[in-house]
């Protein structure tokens, strides 16, 4: 009975693994399609604006990411992924500044709040009125890549968790065979094999 239960469990794990692999392949195809769409839109923008208007000379020397992918530990050793958009800051304090503005005794220097610049939209590097294809390229790269990458990372981790116990079990089985071969005299083990 235990052998049948073990086989049924292994079969269900194998089916789950194959399903996850199929979903992973689908996510990779979506990722590739979105990146391809982004490059095509970028080529259209270069054609519309001119080859010299969209190129590495227009990039900022110091780039800041607009979105980040954060990974955190979750239950059962799996990681949890979260897409965080940059530029989300707490509202600034205005109470002390209002008090400084109401005094009329003389000009006082009010400390300027720390300027926490939100990352500038990279489309502004290419001018104010950019073609729609450049906006489409940005959307394709940002949304498609981040969402597909987040899901792909999760699926790869799930597959690794399913495969790892099987590899550990295989290693344990090999060590059990070695222990058995060492415990049984050489003549008996040769006849058994």
N, C-alpha and C. Protein backbone atom coordinates (compact mmCIF):
# COMPACT_ATOMS: atom_id res chain seq x y z
N UNK A 1 0.81 -1.20 0.00
CA UNK A 1 0.00 0.00 0.00
C UNK A 1 0.85 1.26 0.00
N UNK A 2 1.91 1.26 0.80
CA UNK A 2 2.76 2.45 0.89
C UNK A 2 3.44 2.73 -0.43
N UNK A 3 3.80 1.66 -1.15
CA UNK A 3 4.46 1.82 -2.45
C UNK A 3 3.49 2.44 -3.45
N UNK A 4 2.21 2.00 -3.42
CA UNK A 4 1.22 2.56 -4.34
C UNK A 4 0.96 4.03 -4.03
N UNK A 5 0.89 4.36 -2.73
CA UNK A 5 0.69 5.76 -2.35
C UNK A 5 1.87 6.62 -2.79
N UNK A 6 3.07 6.08 -2.63
CA UNK A 6 4.27 6.80 -3.04
C UNK A 6 4.28 7.03 -4.55
N UNK A 7 3.90 5.99 -5.30
CA UNK A 7 3.85 6.13 -6.76
C UNK A 7 2.79 7.14 -7.19
N UNK A 8 1.63 7.11 -6.52
CA UNK A 8 0.57 8.07 -6.85
C UNK A 8 1.02 9.50 -6.55
N UNK A 9 1.72 9.66 -5.43
CA UNK A 9 2.22 10.99 -5.07
C UNK A 9 3.27 11.46 -6.07
N UNK A 10 4.16 10.56 -6.47
CA UNK A 10 5.17 10.91 -7.48
C UNK A 10 4.52 11.26 -8.81
N UNK A 11 3.47 10.52 -9.19
CA UNK A 11 2.77 10.82 -10.43
C UNK A 11 2.12 12.20 -10.38
N UNK A 12 1.49 12.52 -9.24
CA UNK A 12 0.85 13.83 -9.12
C UNK A 12 1.89 14.95 -9.13
N UNK A 13 3.03 14.72 -8.47
CA UNK A 13 4.10 15.72 -8.50
C UNK A 13 4.66 15.90 -9.91
N UNK A 14 4.78 14.81 -10.64
CA UNK A 14 5.27 14.89 -12.02
C UNK A 14 4.28 15.65 -12.90
N UNK A 15 2.99 15.38 -12.73
CA UNK A 15 1.98 16.11 -13.50
C UNK A 15 1.99 17.59 -13.15
N UNK A 16 2.15 17.91 -11.87
CA UNK A 16 2.22 19.30 -11.44
C UNK A 16 3.46 19.97 -12.05
N UNK A 17 4.58 19.26 -12.03
CA UNK A 17 5.82 19.79 -12.61
C UNK A 17 5.66 20.06 -14.10
N UNK A 18 5.05 19.12 -14.81
CA UNK A 18 4.85 19.31 -16.24
C UNK A 18 3.90 20.47 -16.52
N UNK A 19 2.87 20.62 -15.70
CA UNK A 19 1.96 21.77 -15.85
C UNK A 19 2.67 23.08 -15.60
N UNK A 20 3.51 23.12 -14.55
CA UNK A 20 4.28 24.33 -14.25
C UNK A 20 5.28 24.64 -15.36
N UNK A 21 5.90 23.59 -15.91
CA UNK A 21 6.83 23.80 -17.02
C UNK A 21 6.12 24.35 -18.25
N UNK A 22 4.91 23.86 -18.50
CA UNK A 22 4.13 24.36 -19.63
C UNK A 22 3.76 25.83 -19.42
N UNK A 23 3.34 26.17 -18.20
CA UNK A 23 3.01 27.57 -17.89
C UNK A 23 4.24 28.45 -17.99
N UNK A 24 5.38 27.94 -17.53
CA UNK A 24 6.64 28.70 -17.62
C UNK A 24 7.00 28.96 -19.08
N UNK A 25 6.84 27.97 -19.92
CA UNK A 25 7.13 28.15 -21.35
C UNK A 25 6.19 29.19 -21.96
N UNK A 26 4.93 29.18 -21.55
CA UNK A 26 3.98 30.20 -22.01
C UNK A 26 4.39 31.60 -21.58
N UNK A 27 4.84 31.73 -20.32
CA UNK A 27 5.28 33.04 -19.82
C UNK A 27 6.53 33.51 -20.56
N UNK A 28 7.42 32.58 -20.87
CA UNK A 28 8.61 32.96 -21.63
C UNK A 28 8.22 33.44 -23.03
N UNK A 29 7.22 32.80 -23.63
CA UNK A 29 6.76 33.22 -24.95
C UNK A 29 6.14 34.62 -24.88
N UNK A 30 5.35 34.89 -23.82
CA UNK A 30 4.77 36.22 -23.64
C UNK A 30 5.87 37.26 -23.45
N UNK A 31 6.86 36.92 -22.64
CA UNK A 31 7.98 37.83 -22.41
C UNK A 31 8.70 38.14 -23.71
N UNK A 32 8.98 37.12 -24.50
CA UNK A 32 9.66 37.33 -25.77
C UNK A 32 8.81 38.17 -26.73
N UNK A 33 7.50 37.94 -26.75
CA UNK A 33 6.62 38.71 -27.64
C UNK A 33 6.58 40.18 -27.23
N UNK A 34 6.52 40.45 -25.92
CA UNK A 34 6.48 41.85 -25.46
C UNK A 34 7.79 42.57 -25.75
N UNK A 35 8.92 41.88 -25.57
CA UNK A 35 10.21 42.50 -25.87
C UNK A 35 10.33 42.76 -27.37
N UNK A 36 9.88 41.81 -28.16
CA UNK A 36 9.91 41.98 -29.62
C UNK A 36 9.03 43.15 -30.03
N UNK A 37 7.85 43.26 -29.42
CA UNK A 37 6.95 44.38 -29.70
C UNK A 37 7.58 45.71 -29.30
N UNK A 38 8.28 45.71 -28.17
CA UNK A 38 8.96 46.93 -27.73
C UNK A 38 10.05 47.36 -28.69
N UNK A 39 10.85 46.41 -29.17
CA UNK A 39 11.90 46.75 -30.13
C UNK A 39 11.31 47.25 -31.44
N UNK A 40 10.20 46.66 -31.88
CA UNK A 40 9.56 47.11 -33.11
C UNK A 40 9.02 48.53 -32.94
N UNK A 41 8.40 48.82 -31.81
CA UNK A 41 7.90 50.18 -31.55
C UNK A 41 9.05 51.17 -31.47
N UNK A 42 10.17 50.75 -30.90
CA UNK A 42 11.34 51.62 -30.82
C UNK A 42 11.88 51.91 -32.22
N UNK A 43 11.88 50.91 -33.09
CA UNK A 43 12.32 51.12 -34.47
C UNK A 43 11.38 52.08 -35.19
N UNK A 44 10.07 51.96 -34.94
CA UNK A 44 9.11 52.88 -35.55
C UNK A 44 9.36 54.31 -35.06
N UNK A 45 9.67 54.46 -33.78
CA UNK A 45 9.95 55.80 -33.23
C UNK A 45 11.21 56.38 -33.85
N UNK A 46 12.22 55.56 -34.02
CA UNK A 46 13.46 56.04 -34.67
C UNK A 46 13.18 56.48 -36.10
N UNK A 47 12.32 55.76 -36.78
CA UNK A 47 11.98 56.12 -38.15
C UNK A 47 11.21 57.44 -38.17
N UNK A 48 10.25 57.61 -37.23
CA UNK A 48 9.43 58.82 -37.20
C UNK A 48 10.23 60.05 -36.77
N UNK A 49 11.13 59.90 -35.80
CA UNK A 49 11.87 61.05 -35.26
C UNK A 49 13.22 61.25 -35.93
N UNK A 50 13.70 60.26 -36.61
CA UNK A 50 15.04 60.33 -37.18
C UNK A 50 15.98 59.48 -36.34
N UNK A 51 16.93 58.88 -37.00
CA UNK A 51 17.83 57.95 -36.30
C UNK A 51 18.66 58.63 -35.23
N UNK A 52 18.99 59.91 -35.43
CA UNK A 52 19.85 60.60 -34.46
C UNK A 52 19.05 61.17 -33.29
N UNK A 53 17.74 61.20 -33.41
CA UNK A 53 16.92 61.74 -32.32
C UNK A 53 16.64 60.72 -31.23
N UNK A 54 16.71 59.47 -31.57
CA UNK A 54 16.49 58.41 -30.58
C UNK A 54 17.73 57.54 -30.59
N UNK A 55 18.60 57.81 -29.64
CA UNK A 55 19.85 57.05 -29.58
C UNK A 55 20.53 57.24 -28.25
N UNK A 56 21.69 56.65 -28.08
CA UNK A 56 22.39 56.70 -26.80
C UNK A 56 22.83 58.10 -26.39
N UNK A 57 22.94 59.03 -27.32
CA UNK A 57 23.35 60.39 -26.95
C UNK A 57 22.25 61.13 -26.19
N UNK A 58 21.02 60.68 -26.28
CA UNK A 58 19.92 61.33 -25.57
C UNK A 58 19.69 60.74 -24.18
N UNK A 59 20.37 59.66 -23.85
CA UNK A 59 20.18 59.05 -22.53
C UNK A 59 20.81 59.93 -21.46
N UNK A 60 20.25 59.90 -20.28
CA UNK A 60 20.84 60.61 -19.15
C UNK A 60 22.08 59.86 -18.68
N UNK A 61 23.04 60.62 -18.16
CA UNK A 61 24.27 59.96 -17.70
C UNK A 61 24.03 59.12 -16.45
N UNK A 62 23.06 59.51 -15.64
CA UNK A 62 22.74 58.75 -14.43
C UNK A 62 21.26 58.39 -14.48
N UNK A 63 20.99 57.13 -14.71
CA UNK A 63 19.60 56.68 -14.84
C UNK A 63 19.08 56.11 -13.53
N UNK A 64 17.82 56.37 -13.26
CA UNK A 64 17.13 55.83 -12.08
C UNK A 64 16.02 54.91 -12.57
N UNK A 65 15.84 53.77 -11.93
CA UNK A 65 14.75 52.88 -12.36
C UNK A 65 13.39 53.46 -11.98
N UNK A 66 12.41 53.24 -12.83
CA UNK A 66 11.06 53.69 -12.53
C UNK A 66 10.32 52.66 -11.68
N UNK A 67 10.61 51.41 -11.89
CA UNK A 67 10.00 50.34 -11.12
C UNK A 67 11.08 49.35 -10.71
N UNK A 68 10.86 48.71 -9.59
CA UNK A 68 11.80 47.71 -9.09
C UNK A 68 11.03 46.44 -8.74
N UNK A 69 11.72 45.34 -8.81
CA UNK A 69 11.15 44.05 -8.45
C UNK A 69 11.79 43.63 -7.14
N UNK A 70 10.99 43.58 -6.06
CA UNK A 70 11.51 43.21 -4.74
C UNK A 70 11.11 41.77 -4.42
N UNK A 71 12.06 41.04 -3.90
CA UNK A 71 11.82 39.65 -3.49
C UNK A 71 11.89 39.58 -1.97
N UNK A 72 10.94 38.88 -1.37
CA UNK A 72 10.96 38.69 0.08
C UNK A 72 10.65 37.23 0.37
N UNK A 73 11.16 36.77 1.50
CA UNK A 73 10.96 35.37 1.89
C UNK A 73 9.52 35.15 2.33
N UNK A 74 8.94 34.09 1.85
CA UNK A 74 7.58 33.72 2.25
C UNK A 74 7.64 32.35 2.90
N UNK A 75 6.51 31.72 3.04
CA UNK A 75 6.46 30.42 3.71
C UNK A 75 7.04 29.33 2.83
N UNK A 76 7.46 28.26 3.45
CA UNK A 76 7.99 27.07 2.80
C UNK A 76 9.20 27.34 1.93
N UNK A 77 9.98 28.37 2.25
CA UNK A 77 11.20 28.65 1.51
C UNK A 77 10.98 29.34 0.18
N UNK A 78 9.74 29.60 -0.20
CA UNK A 78 9.47 30.30 -1.45
C UNK A 78 9.65 31.79 -1.26
N UNK A 79 9.93 32.49 -2.34
CA UNK A 79 10.06 33.93 -2.28
C UNK A 79 8.80 34.57 -2.84
N UNK A 80 8.49 35.75 -2.31
CA UNK A 80 7.34 36.50 -2.77
C UNK A 80 7.88 37.70 -3.54
N UNK A 81 7.37 37.93 -4.75
CA UNK A 81 7.84 39.02 -5.59
C UNK A 81 6.80 40.13 -5.63
N UNK A 82 7.29 41.37 -5.61
CA UNK A 82 6.40 42.52 -5.62
C UNK A 82 7.01 43.60 -6.51
N UNK A 83 6.21 44.18 -7.39
CA UNK A 83 6.66 45.27 -8.25
C UNK A 83 6.38 46.58 -7.53
N UNK A 84 7.43 47.38 -7.31
CA UNK A 84 7.30 48.65 -6.60
C UNK A 84 7.68 49.77 -7.55
N UNK A 85 6.81 50.73 -7.69
CA UNK A 85 7.09 51.88 -8.55
C UNK A 85 7.85 52.93 -7.75
N UNK A 86 8.88 53.48 -8.37
CA UNK A 86 9.70 54.50 -7.71
C UNK A 86 8.94 55.83 -7.73
N UNK A 87 9.33 56.71 -6.83
CA UNK A 87 8.72 58.04 -6.79
C UNK A 87 7.55 58.14 -5.84
N UNK A 88 7.21 57.08 -5.13
CA UNK A 88 6.14 57.13 -4.16
C UNK A 88 6.76 57.55 -2.83
N UNK A 89 6.50 58.77 -2.44
CA UNK A 89 7.10 59.31 -1.22
C UNK A 89 6.00 59.79 -0.28
N UNK A 90 6.37 60.00 0.96
CA UNK A 90 5.44 60.51 1.95
C UNK A 90 5.18 61.99 1.67
N UNK A 91 3.99 62.50 2.01
CA UNK A 91 3.72 63.92 1.76
C UNK A 91 4.64 64.79 2.61
N UNK A 92 4.98 65.97 2.08
CA UNK A 92 5.90 66.84 2.79
C UNK A 92 5.20 67.57 3.93
N UNK A 93 5.95 67.94 4.93
CA UNK A 93 5.43 68.66 6.09
C UNK A 93 5.34 70.14 5.75
N UNK A 94 4.19 70.75 6.01
CA UNK A 94 4.03 72.17 5.73
C UNK A 94 3.77 72.99 6.98
N UNK A 95 3.64 72.37 8.12
CA UNK A 95 3.31 73.08 9.35
C UNK A 95 4.38 74.09 9.75
N UNK A 96 5.64 73.71 9.80
CA UNK A 96 6.69 74.63 10.23
C UNK A 96 6.91 75.73 9.20
N UNK A 97 6.69 75.47 7.96
CA UNK A 97 6.88 76.47 6.93
C UNK A 97 5.80 77.54 7.02
N UNK A 98 4.56 77.17 7.34
CA UNK A 98 3.48 78.15 7.49
C UNK A 98 3.78 79.10 8.64
N UNK A 99 4.33 78.59 9.73
CA UNK A 99 4.65 79.45 10.86
C UNK A 99 5.73 80.45 10.47
N UNK A 100 6.68 80.05 9.68
CA UNK A 100 7.74 80.95 9.25
C UNK A 100 7.20 82.01 8.30
N UNK A 101 6.19 81.71 7.55
CA UNK A 101 5.63 82.68 6.62
C UNK A 101 4.75 83.70 7.32
N UNK A 102 4.20 83.40 8.46
CA UNK A 102 3.29 84.32 9.15
C UNK A 102 4.04 85.36 9.98
N UNK A 103 5.28 85.13 10.29
CA UNK A 103 6.04 86.14 11.03
C UNK A 103 6.33 87.31 10.11
N UNK A 104 6.14 88.55 10.63
CA UNK A 104 6.37 89.73 9.80
C UNK A 104 7.48 90.60 10.36
N UNK A 105 8.26 90.09 11.26
CA UNK A 105 9.31 90.88 11.88
C UNK A 105 10.46 91.13 10.92
N UNK A 106 10.69 90.26 10.05
CA UNK A 106 11.80 90.42 9.12
C UNK A 106 11.95 89.16 8.30
N UNK A 107 12.77 89.27 7.31
CA UNK A 107 12.94 88.08 6.48
C UNK A 107 13.70 87.00 7.24
N UNK A 108 13.13 85.88 7.29
CA UNK A 108 13.79 84.73 7.91
C UNK A 108 14.05 83.70 6.83
N UNK A 109 15.13 83.03 7.03
CA UNK A 109 15.47 81.98 6.08
C UNK A 109 14.78 80.70 6.51
N UNK A 110 13.93 80.23 5.67
CA UNK A 110 13.26 78.96 5.96
C UNK A 110 14.07 77.85 5.32
N UNK A 111 14.29 76.81 6.09
CA UNK A 111 15.03 75.69 5.50
C UNK A 111 14.20 75.04 4.39
N UNK A 112 14.81 74.89 3.26
CA UNK A 112 14.13 74.25 2.13
C UNK A 112 14.00 72.75 2.42
N UNK A 113 12.85 72.21 2.17
CA UNK A 113 12.71 70.77 2.37
C UNK A 113 13.64 70.04 1.40
N UNK A 114 14.08 68.87 1.88
CA UNK A 114 14.96 68.07 1.04
C UNK A 114 14.23 67.72 -0.25
N UNK A 115 14.88 68.02 -1.33
CA UNK A 115 14.24 67.74 -2.62
C UNK A 115 14.45 66.27 -2.95
N UNK A 116 13.40 65.54 -2.80
CA UNK A 116 13.47 64.12 -3.16
C UNK A 116 12.89 64.00 -4.56
N UNK A 117 13.77 64.02 -5.51
CA UNK A 117 13.32 63.97 -6.89
C UNK A 117 12.80 62.59 -7.24
N UNK A 118 11.62 62.58 -7.79
CA UNK A 118 11.12 61.33 -8.34
C UNK A 118 11.84 61.10 -9.65
N UNK A 119 12.05 59.87 -10.01
CA UNK A 119 12.74 59.62 -11.27
C UNK A 119 11.98 60.25 -12.43
N UNK A 120 12.73 60.91 -13.29
CA UNK A 120 12.13 61.57 -14.44
C UNK A 120 11.70 60.53 -15.46
N UNK A 121 10.62 60.82 -16.14
CA UNK A 121 10.15 59.91 -17.18
C UNK A 121 11.17 59.90 -18.31
N UNK A 122 11.70 58.75 -18.67
CA UNK A 122 12.72 58.69 -19.72
C UNK A 122 12.25 59.22 -21.06
N UNK A 123 10.95 59.26 -21.29
CA UNK A 123 10.46 59.80 -22.56
C UNK A 123 10.79 61.28 -22.71
N UNK A 124 10.94 61.98 -21.59
CA UNK A 124 11.26 63.41 -21.65
C UNK A 124 12.67 63.66 -22.15
N UNK A 125 13.51 62.64 -22.16
CA UNK A 125 14.86 62.80 -22.69
C UNK A 125 14.83 63.06 -24.18
N UNK A 126 13.76 62.64 -24.84
CA UNK A 126 13.68 62.74 -26.29
C UNK A 126 12.79 63.89 -26.74
N UNK A 127 12.42 64.77 -25.84
CA UNK A 127 11.61 65.93 -26.19
C UNK A 127 10.27 65.88 -25.48
N UNK A 128 9.50 66.94 -25.71
CA UNK A 128 8.20 67.04 -25.04
C UNK A 128 7.14 66.24 -25.80
N UNK A 129 7.10 66.42 -27.11
CA UNK A 129 6.12 65.70 -27.93
C UNK A 129 6.80 64.52 -28.61
N UNK A 130 6.71 63.39 -27.98
CA UNK A 130 7.33 62.18 -28.54
C UNK A 130 6.27 61.39 -29.29
N UNK A 131 6.68 60.63 -30.29
CA UNK A 131 5.68 59.85 -31.03
C UNK A 131 5.04 58.77 -30.17
N UNK A 132 3.85 58.40 -30.60
CA UNK A 132 3.10 57.38 -29.85
C UNK A 132 3.83 56.05 -29.83
N UNK A 133 4.57 55.74 -30.87
CA UNK A 133 5.29 54.47 -30.92
C UNK A 133 6.36 54.40 -29.84
N UNK A 134 6.94 55.54 -29.45
CA UNK A 134 7.93 55.55 -28.37
C UNK A 134 7.25 55.26 -27.03
N UNK A 135 6.05 55.81 -26.86
CA UNK A 135 5.29 55.51 -25.64
C UNK A 135 4.88 54.03 -25.60
N UNK A 136 4.52 53.48 -26.76
CA UNK A 136 4.18 52.06 -26.82
C UNK A 136 5.39 51.20 -26.49
N UNK A 137 6.56 51.61 -26.97
CA UNK A 137 7.78 50.85 -26.67
C UNK A 137 8.05 50.84 -25.18
N UNK A 138 7.89 52.00 -24.54
CA UNK A 138 8.11 52.08 -23.10
C UNK A 138 7.12 51.19 -22.36
N UNK A 139 5.86 51.23 -22.75
CA UNK A 139 4.84 50.41 -22.09
C UNK A 139 5.12 48.92 -22.29
N UNK A 140 5.54 48.55 -23.49
CA UNK A 140 5.83 47.14 -23.76
C UNK A 140 6.97 46.64 -22.90
N UNK A 141 8.04 47.42 -22.84
CA UNK A 141 9.19 46.99 -22.05
C UNK A 141 8.86 46.97 -20.56
N UNK A 142 8.20 48.01 -20.07
CA UNK A 142 7.94 48.12 -18.64
C UNK A 142 6.94 47.07 -18.16
N UNK A 143 5.77 47.06 -18.74
CA UNK A 143 4.71 46.18 -18.24
C UNK A 143 4.97 44.72 -18.57
N UNK A 144 5.26 44.47 -19.81
CA UNK A 144 5.46 43.08 -20.22
C UNK A 144 6.62 42.42 -19.54
N UNK A 145 7.74 43.09 -19.50
CA UNK A 145 8.93 42.48 -18.93
C UNK A 145 8.78 42.29 -17.43
N UNK A 146 8.28 43.29 -16.73
CA UNK A 146 8.19 43.16 -15.27
C UNK A 146 7.18 42.09 -14.85
N UNK A 147 6.00 42.12 -15.42
CA UNK A 147 4.99 41.15 -15.01
C UNK A 147 5.38 39.73 -15.42
N UNK A 148 5.88 39.60 -16.64
CA UNK A 148 6.28 38.27 -17.08
C UNK A 148 7.48 37.77 -16.28
N UNK A 149 8.42 38.65 -15.99
CA UNK A 149 9.61 38.25 -15.23
C UNK A 149 9.22 37.85 -13.81
N UNK A 150 8.30 38.60 -13.22
CA UNK A 150 7.87 38.27 -11.86
C UNK A 150 7.24 36.88 -11.82
N UNK A 151 6.36 36.59 -12.76
CA UNK A 151 5.70 35.29 -12.79
C UNK A 151 6.69 34.18 -13.15
N UNK A 152 7.60 34.49 -14.07
CA UNK A 152 8.59 33.49 -14.50
C UNK A 152 9.51 33.13 -13.33
N UNK A 153 9.93 34.12 -12.54
CA UNK A 153 10.78 33.85 -11.37
C UNK A 153 10.05 32.96 -10.37
N UNK A 154 8.78 33.25 -10.15
CA UNK A 154 8.00 32.45 -9.21
C UNK A 154 7.88 31.01 -9.70
N UNK A 155 7.56 30.83 -10.99
CA UNK A 155 7.41 29.48 -11.53
C UNK A 155 8.72 28.71 -11.50
N UNK A 156 9.83 29.38 -11.82
CA UNK A 156 11.12 28.70 -11.77
C UNK A 156 11.42 28.24 -10.35
N UNK A 157 11.05 29.06 -9.38
CA UNK A 157 11.30 28.69 -7.99
C UNK A 157 10.41 27.51 -7.57
N UNK A 158 9.16 27.51 -8.01
CA UNK A 158 8.27 26.39 -7.69
C UNK A 158 8.80 25.11 -8.31
N UNK A 159 9.24 25.20 -9.56
CA UNK A 159 9.78 24.01 -10.24
C UNK A 159 11.03 23.52 -9.51
N UNK A 160 11.88 24.45 -9.08
CA UNK A 160 13.09 24.06 -8.36
C UNK A 160 12.73 23.37 -7.05
N UNK A 161 11.69 23.85 -6.37
CA UNK A 161 11.28 23.22 -5.11
C UNK A 161 10.73 21.81 -5.35
N UNK A 162 10.07 21.61 -6.48
CA UNK A 162 9.54 20.28 -6.78
C UNK A 162 10.67 19.34 -7.18
N UNK A 163 11.62 19.85 -7.94
CA UNK A 163 12.71 19.01 -8.43
C UNK A 163 13.71 18.70 -7.31
N UNK A 164 13.97 19.64 -6.42
CA UNK A 164 14.97 19.46 -5.36
C UNK A 164 14.67 18.27 -4.46
N UNK A 165 13.44 18.12 -3.94
CA UNK A 165 13.19 16.94 -3.09
C UNK A 165 13.39 15.63 -3.85
N UNK A 166 13.07 15.61 -5.14
CA UNK A 166 13.28 14.39 -5.92
C UNK A 166 14.76 14.09 -6.04
N UNK A 167 15.59 15.11 -6.24
CA UNK A 167 17.04 14.91 -6.33
C UNK A 167 17.60 14.45 -4.99
N UNK A 168 17.09 15.04 -3.90
CA UNK A 168 17.54 14.63 -2.57
C UNK A 168 17.14 13.18 -2.30
N UNK A 169 15.91 12.79 -2.71
CA UNK A 169 15.45 11.42 -2.51
C UNK A 169 16.32 10.46 -3.31
N UNK A 170 16.68 10.85 -4.53
CA UNK A 170 17.53 10.00 -5.36
C UNK A 170 18.90 9.82 -4.72
N UNK A 171 19.45 10.89 -4.14
CA UNK A 171 20.75 10.80 -3.47
C UNK A 171 20.65 9.91 -2.24
N UNK A 172 19.53 10.01 -1.50
CA UNK A 172 19.33 9.14 -0.33
C UNK A 172 19.23 7.68 -0.76
N UNK A 173 18.53 7.42 -1.87
CA UNK A 173 18.41 6.04 -2.37
C UNK A 173 19.78 5.48 -2.73
N UNK A 174 20.62 6.30 -3.38
CA UNK A 174 21.96 5.84 -3.75
C UNK A 174 22.79 5.56 -2.51
N UNK A 175 22.67 6.41 -1.47
CA UNK A 175 23.44 6.17 -0.25
C UNK A 175 22.94 4.92 0.47
N UNK A 176 21.62 4.65 0.40
CA UNK A 176 21.08 3.43 1.00
C UNK A 176 21.63 2.20 0.29
N UNK A 177 21.73 2.26 -1.05
CA UNK A 177 22.29 1.13 -1.80
C UNK A 177 23.76 0.92 -1.43
N UNK A 178 24.50 2.01 -1.25
CA UNK A 178 25.91 1.89 -0.86
C UNK A 178 26.02 1.29 0.53
N UNK A 179 25.15 1.74 1.46
CA UNK A 179 25.16 1.18 2.81
C UNK A 179 24.81 -0.31 2.78
N UNK A 180 23.85 -0.67 1.95
CA UNK A 180 23.44 -2.07 1.84
C UNK A 180 24.59 -2.90 1.27
N UNK A 181 25.25 -2.38 0.23
CA UNK A 181 26.37 -3.11 -0.38
C UNK A 181 27.51 -3.27 0.61
N UNK A 182 27.73 -2.28 1.47
CA UNK A 182 28.81 -2.38 2.46
C UNK A 182 28.45 -3.35 3.57
N UNK A 183 27.16 -3.42 3.92
CA UNK A 183 26.74 -4.29 5.02
C UNK A 183 26.69 -5.76 4.61
N UNK A 184 26.32 -6.04 3.38
CA UNK A 184 26.20 -7.42 2.91
C UNK A 184 27.57 -7.88 2.41
N UNK A 185 27.97 -9.11 2.71
CA UNK A 185 29.24 -9.61 2.20
C UNK A 185 29.29 -9.54 0.68
N UNK A 186 30.48 -9.44 0.12
CA UNK A 186 30.68 -9.25 -1.32
C UNK A 186 30.08 -10.38 -2.13
N UNK A 187 30.19 -11.63 -1.65
CA UNK A 187 29.66 -12.78 -2.41
C UNK A 187 28.14 -12.69 -2.52
N UNK A 188 27.47 -12.34 -1.43
CA UNK A 188 26.02 -12.27 -1.42
C UNK A 188 25.52 -11.14 -2.31
N UNK A 189 26.18 -9.97 -2.22
CA UNK A 189 25.73 -8.84 -3.03
C UNK A 189 25.99 -9.09 -4.51
N UNK A 190 27.05 -9.83 -4.85
CA UNK A 190 27.31 -10.15 -6.26
C UNK A 190 26.24 -11.09 -6.79
N UNK A 191 25.78 -12.06 -5.97
CA UNK A 191 24.72 -12.97 -6.39
C UNK A 191 23.39 -12.23 -6.53
N UNK A 192 23.16 -11.25 -5.63
CA UNK A 192 21.90 -10.52 -5.65
C UNK A 192 21.80 -9.61 -6.87
N UNK A 193 22.93 -9.12 -7.30
CA UNK A 193 22.92 -8.19 -8.45
C UNK A 193 22.98 -9.00 -9.69
